[in-house]
Amino acid sequence: MTRTVWNKTMHDCYPDILKRAKDRAFKEANSTSIANIKGHGPKAMKVDVWNGLVDHWLVLKWQNKSVAG
């Protein structure tokens, strides 16, 4: 039961958490280019994990999905 509630909560909140982290990274990097936010992730996240997310967001398929949404 607890795991189900946790999973639902994270499923609902995680995209918002990442959006805020991405917005902060843009501000910290003083850039509007997604490629420039590598290394500017949240302190609670390992740099290689953040950079992996940025690489994922740089993929054309993801960018098209983002524009469509």
N, C-alpha and C. Protein backbone atom coordinates (compact mmCIF):
# COMPACT_ATOMS: atom_id res chain seq x y z
N MET A 1 0.82 -1.19 0.00
CA MET A 1 0.00 0.00 0.00
C MET A 1 0.87 1.26 0.00
N THR A 2 1.85 1.29 0.89
CA THR A 2 2.72 2.46 0.99
C THR A 2 3.47 2.70 -0.32
N ARG A 3 3.98 1.62 -0.89
CA ARG A 3 4.72 1.76 -2.15
C ARG A 3 3.80 2.28 -3.25
N THR A 4 2.58 1.83 -3.28
CA THR A 4 1.62 2.29 -4.29
C THR A 4 1.38 3.79 -4.18
N VAL A 5 1.19 4.26 -2.95
CA VAL A 5 0.97 5.69 -2.73
C VAL A 5 2.22 6.48 -3.13
N TRP A 6 3.40 5.98 -2.72
CA TRP A 6 4.65 6.65 -3.07
C TRP A 6 4.82 6.72 -4.59
N ASN A 7 4.60 5.61 -5.27
CA ASN A 7 4.75 5.59 -6.72
C ASN A 7 3.79 6.56 -7.40
N LYS A 8 2.56 6.61 -6.95
CA LYS A 8 1.58 7.53 -7.53
C LYS A 8 2.00 8.98 -7.29
N THR A 9 2.44 9.26 -6.07
CA THR A 9 2.87 10.62 -5.73
C THR A 9 4.05 11.04 -6.60
N MET A 10 5.04 10.18 -6.73
CA MET A 10 6.21 10.51 -7.55
C MET A 10 5.83 10.61 -9.03
N HIS A 11 4.93 9.77 -9.47
CA HIS A 11 4.47 9.84 -10.87
C HIS A 11 3.81 11.18 -11.14
N ASP A 12 3.09 11.69 -10.17
CA ASP A 12 2.40 12.98 -10.32
C ASP A 12 3.34 14.17 -10.15
N CYS A 13 4.31 14.06 -9.24
CA CYS A 13 5.14 15.21 -8.87
C CYS A 13 6.48 15.28 -9.60
N TYR A 14 7.04 14.14 -10.01
CA TYR A 14 8.39 14.13 -10.55
C TYR A 14 8.56 15.02 -11.78
N PRO A 15 7.62 15.03 -12.73
CA PRO A 15 7.80 15.94 -13.87
C PRO A 15 7.89 17.41 -13.44
N ASP A 16 7.12 17.80 -12.43
CA ASP A 16 7.19 19.17 -11.94
C ASP A 16 8.52 19.46 -11.26
N ILE A 17 9.02 18.47 -10.51
CA ILE A 17 10.31 18.62 -9.85
C ILE A 17 11.41 18.81 -10.89
N LEU A 18 11.39 17.99 -11.95
CA LEU A 18 12.40 18.13 -13.00
C LEU A 18 12.26 19.44 -13.75
N LYS A 19 11.04 19.89 -13.98
CA LYS A 19 10.82 21.18 -14.67
C LYS A 19 11.43 22.32 -13.86
N ARG A 20 11.18 22.32 -12.55
CA ARG A 20 11.76 23.37 -11.71
C ARG A 20 13.28 23.29 -11.69
N ALA A 21 13.82 22.08 -11.64
CA ALA A 21 15.28 21.90 -11.65
C ALA A 21 15.86 22.39 -12.97
N LYS A 22 15.17 22.10 -14.06
CA LYS A 22 15.63 22.55 -15.38
C LYS A 22 15.58 24.07 -15.48
N ASP A 23 14.52 24.67 -14.96
CA ASP A 23 14.41 26.14 -14.98
C ASP A 23 15.53 26.78 -14.16
N ARG A 24 15.84 26.20 -12.99
CA ARG A 24 16.93 26.72 -12.16
C ARG A 24 18.27 26.58 -12.88
N ALA A 25 18.45 25.45 -13.58
CA ALA A 25 19.70 25.22 -14.30
C ALA A 25 19.88 26.24 -15.43
N PHE A 26 18.80 26.56 -16.14
CA PHE A 26 18.88 27.59 -17.18
C PHE A 26 19.30 28.92 -16.57
N LYS A 27 18.72 29.24 -15.44
CA LYS A 27 19.04 30.51 -14.77
C LYS A 27 20.49 30.51 -14.30
N GLU A 28 20.92 29.41 -13.69
CA GLU A 28 22.29 29.31 -13.18
C GLU A 28 23.31 29.36 -14.31
N ALA A 29 22.99 28.72 -15.43
CA ALA A 29 23.90 28.71 -16.57
C ALA A 29 23.81 29.99 -17.39
N ASN A 30 22.81 30.82 -17.08
CA ASN A 30 22.57 32.07 -17.80
C ASN A 30 22.47 31.80 -19.30
N SER A 31 21.63 30.83 -19.63
CA SER A 31 21.49 30.41 -21.02
C SER A 31 20.07 29.92 -21.28
N THR A 32 19.70 29.91 -22.54
CA THR A 32 18.41 29.34 -22.93
C THR A 32 18.60 28.06 -23.72
N SER A 33 19.84 27.65 -23.90
CA SER A 33 20.14 26.42 -24.64
C SER A 33 20.23 25.25 -23.68
N ILE A 34 19.52 24.18 -23.99
CA ILE A 34 19.52 23.00 -23.12
C ILE A 34 20.91 22.38 -23.02
N ALA A 35 21.72 22.52 -24.06
CA ALA A 35 23.06 21.94 -24.05
C ALA A 35 23.96 22.61 -23.01
N ASN A 36 23.65 23.83 -22.63
CA ASN A 36 24.49 24.58 -21.70
C ASN A 36 24.18 24.31 -20.23
N ILE A 37 23.17 23.50 -19.94
CA ILE A 37 22.82 23.28 -18.54
C ILE A 37 23.48 22.04 -17.95
N LYS A 38 24.33 21.38 -18.73
CA LYS A 38 25.07 20.25 -18.18
C LYS A 38 25.94 20.75 -17.03
N GLY A 39 25.95 19.99 -15.95
CA GLY A 39 26.74 20.36 -14.79
C GLY A 39 26.05 21.36 -13.88
N HIS A 40 24.84 21.76 -14.20
CA HIS A 40 24.10 22.73 -13.40
C HIS A 40 22.85 22.13 -12.78
N GLY A 41 22.89 20.84 -12.51
CA GLY A 41 21.72 20.16 -11.95
C GLY A 41 21.55 20.41 -10.46
N PRO A 42 20.50 19.84 -9.89
CA PRO A 42 20.26 19.99 -8.46
C PRO A 42 21.37 19.33 -7.64
N LYS A 43 21.64 19.87 -6.47
CA LYS A 43 22.71 19.34 -5.62
C LYS A 43 22.42 17.92 -5.16
N ALA A 44 21.15 17.55 -5.07
CA ALA A 44 20.78 16.22 -4.61
C ALA A 44 20.95 15.15 -5.69
N MET A 45 21.28 15.56 -6.90
CA MET A 45 21.41 14.61 -8.02
C MET A 45 22.86 14.56 -8.47
N LYS A 46 23.35 13.35 -8.69
CA LYS A 46 24.72 13.20 -9.17
C LYS A 46 24.86 13.87 -10.54
N VAL A 47 26.03 14.43 -10.77
CA VAL A 47 26.28 15.17 -12.01
C VAL A 47 26.08 14.28 -13.23
N ASP A 48 26.57 13.03 -13.17
CA ASP A 48 26.42 12.16 -14.33
C ASP A 48 24.96 11.80 -14.61
N VAL A 49 24.14 11.73 -13.57
CA VAL A 49 22.70 11.47 -13.76
C VAL A 49 22.06 12.68 -14.43
N TRP A 50 22.37 13.88 -13.93
CA TRP A 50 21.81 15.11 -14.53
C TRP A 50 22.25 15.24 -15.99
N ASN A 51 23.53 15.03 -16.23
CA ASN A 51 24.03 15.15 -17.60
C ASN A 51 23.39 14.10 -18.52
N GLY A 52 23.09 12.93 -17.98
CA GLY A 52 22.37 11.92 -18.75
C GLY A 52 20.97 12.38 -19.11
N LEU A 53 20.29 13.04 -18.16
CA LEU A 53 18.97 13.60 -18.44
C LEU A 53 19.06 14.68 -19.53
N VAL A 54 20.06 15.53 -19.43
CA VAL A 54 20.23 16.59 -20.43
C VAL A 54 20.46 15.96 -21.81
N ASP A 55 21.29 14.92 -21.86
CA ASP A 55 21.52 14.22 -23.14
C ASP A 55 20.21 13.66 -23.67
N HIS A 56 19.39 13.12 -22.78
CA HIS A 56 18.08 12.59 -23.19
C HIS A 56 17.19 13.70 -23.74
N TRP A 57 17.21 14.85 -23.10
CA TRP A 57 16.39 15.98 -23.54
C TRP A 57 16.90 16.57 -24.86
N LEU A 58 18.16 16.34 -25.17
CA LEU A 58 18.74 16.86 -26.42
C LEU A 58 18.35 16.02 -27.63
N VAL A 59 17.88 14.80 -27.43
CA VAL A 59 17.49 13.93 -28.53
C VAL A 59 16.32 14.56 -29.27
N LEU A 60 16.39 14.55 -30.60
CA LEU A 60 15.39 15.20 -31.43
C LEU A 60 13.97 14.69 -31.14
N LYS A 61 13.84 13.38 -30.90
CA LYS A 61 12.52 12.81 -30.61
C LYS A 61 11.93 13.46 -29.35
N TRP A 62 12.75 13.66 -28.31
CA TRP A 62 12.28 14.27 -27.08
C TRP A 62 11.92 15.74 -27.31
N GLN A 63 12.72 16.45 -28.08
CA GLN A 63 12.44 17.86 -28.34
C GLN A 63 11.14 18.02 -29.11
N ASN A 64 10.87 17.13 -30.06
CA ASN A 64 9.61 17.18 -30.80
C ASN A 64 8.43 16.90 -29.88
N LYS A 65 8.61 15.96 -28.96
CA LYS A 65 7.56 15.63 -28.00
C LYS A 65 7.29 16.82 -27.09
N SER A 66 8.35 17.50 -26.68
CA SER A 66 8.23 18.67 -25.81
C SER A 66 7.48 19.80 -26.51
N VAL A 67 7.79 20.04 -27.77
CA VAL A 67 7.13 21.11 -28.54
C VAL A 67 5.66 20.77 -28.75
N ALA A 68 5.37 19.51 -29.02
CA ALA A 68 3.99 19.09 -29.26
C ALA A 68 3.14 19.21 -28.00
N GLY A 69 3.78 19.01 -26.82
CA GLY A 69 3.04 19.04 -25.55
C GLY A 69 2.80 20.43 -25.14
